[in-house]
Protein backbone atom coordinates (compact mmCIF):
# COMPACT_ATOMS: atom_id res chain seq x y z
CA MET A 1 52.96 145.96 48.42
CA THR A 2 50.09 144.08 49.99
CA ALA A 3 46.65 145.49 50.71
CA GLY A 4 47.42 145.44 54.43
CA SER A 5 50.60 147.47 54.01
CA ALA A 6 48.81 149.97 51.77
CA VAL A 7 46.19 150.51 54.48
CA GLY A 8 48.93 150.88 57.09
CA THR A 9 50.74 153.43 54.95
CA ALA A 10 47.53 155.43 54.43
CA GLN A 11 46.83 155.38 58.17
CA GLU A 12 50.36 156.55 58.93
CA ALA A 13 50.07 159.36 56.37
CA ARG A 14 46.69 160.39 57.80
CA GLY A 15 48.09 160.39 61.34
CA SER A 16 51.15 162.37 60.34
CA GLY A 17 49.10 164.84 58.30
CA THR A 18 46.61 165.32 61.13
CA TYR A 19 49.40 165.92 63.63
CA LEU A 20 51.08 168.45 61.34
CA ALA A 21 47.78 170.23 60.62
CA ARG A 22 47.11 170.61 64.33
CA GLN A 23 50.67 171.74 64.91
CA ALA A 24 50.25 174.38 62.19
CA GLY A 25 47.10 175.62 63.89
CA ALA A 26 48.97 175.87 67.19
CA HIS A 27 51.74 177.87 65.53
CA LEU A 28 49.16 180.28 64.14
CA ALA A 29 47.40 180.61 67.50
CA LEU A 30 50.74 181.55 69.08
CA GLY A 31 51.52 184.10 66.37
CA GLY A 32 53.98 181.96 64.43
CA VAL A 33 52.62 182.76 60.99
CA ASP A 34 55.73 181.59 59.09
CA ALA A 35 55.82 178.32 61.03
CA ALA A 36 52.08 177.84 60.51
CA GLY A 37 52.40 178.19 56.74
CA ASP A 38 55.45 175.94 56.53
CA THR A 39 53.95 173.27 58.76
CA GLY A 40 50.64 173.49 56.90
CA ARG A 41 52.47 172.75 53.63
CA ARG A 42 54.11 169.74 55.25
CA ALA A 43 50.67 168.54 56.37
CA LEU A 44 49.36 168.88 52.82
CA ALA A 45 52.32 166.89 51.49
CA ALA A 46 51.81 164.16 54.08
CA LEU A 47 48.13 163.90 53.16
CA ASP A 48 48.66 163.79 49.40
CA GLY A 49 46.21 161.18 48.14
CA VAL A 50 44.81 160.41 51.60
CA GLY A 51 41.29 161.50 52.50
CA SER A 52 40.59 162.83 55.98
CA ALA A 53 37.57 165.03 56.57
CA ARG A 54 38.75 166.10 60.03
CA THR A 55 42.18 167.13 58.78
CA THR A 56 40.72 168.84 55.72
CA SER A 57 38.55 170.91 58.05
CA THR A 58 41.57 171.77 60.19
CA LEU A 59 43.52 172.86 57.10
CA ASP A 60 40.55 174.90 55.85
CA ASP A 61 40.49 176.71 59.20
CA LEU A 62 44.24 177.26 58.94
CA GLY A 63 43.82 178.73 55.46
CA ALA A 64 41.10 181.06 56.72
CA GLY A 65 43.35 182.20 59.55
CA LEU A 66 46.33 182.71 57.27
CA THR A 67 44.52 184.51 54.42
CA PRO A 68 44.71 187.97 56.06
CA ARG A 69 48.46 187.51 56.59
CA GLN A 70 49.57 187.11 52.97
CA ALA A 71 52.49 189.50 53.41
CA VAL A 72 54.34 186.66 55.16
CA PRO A 73 56.02 184.58 52.40
CA ALA A 74 54.96 181.19 53.79
CA VAL A 75 51.28 182.15 53.62
CA PRO A 76 50.76 182.48 49.86
CA GLU A 77 52.89 179.35 49.42
CA PHE A 78 50.56 177.43 51.75
CA LEU A 79 47.42 178.87 50.14
CA ALA A 80 48.68 177.94 46.65
CA ALA A 81 49.49 174.40 47.78
CA ALA A 82 46.08 174.08 49.44
CA ALA A 83 44.17 175.29 46.36
């Protein structure tokens, strides 16, 4: 792997993670708590090892919105993955 391809891979992961984080937030806003938790976990997986302050903030907001809804199975799974 060359340095250029590593940067490209990190940018793709950041873009994918950001998209998924925003999608998770949209699910939550529309009442899709299960989908928000599942999509949030996918965002975390996509961002593994990639720094993105904007996406981290989005995921923090998602966690805050999901915390009161821990009776939904996807929520504690997301919160554990985000910890």
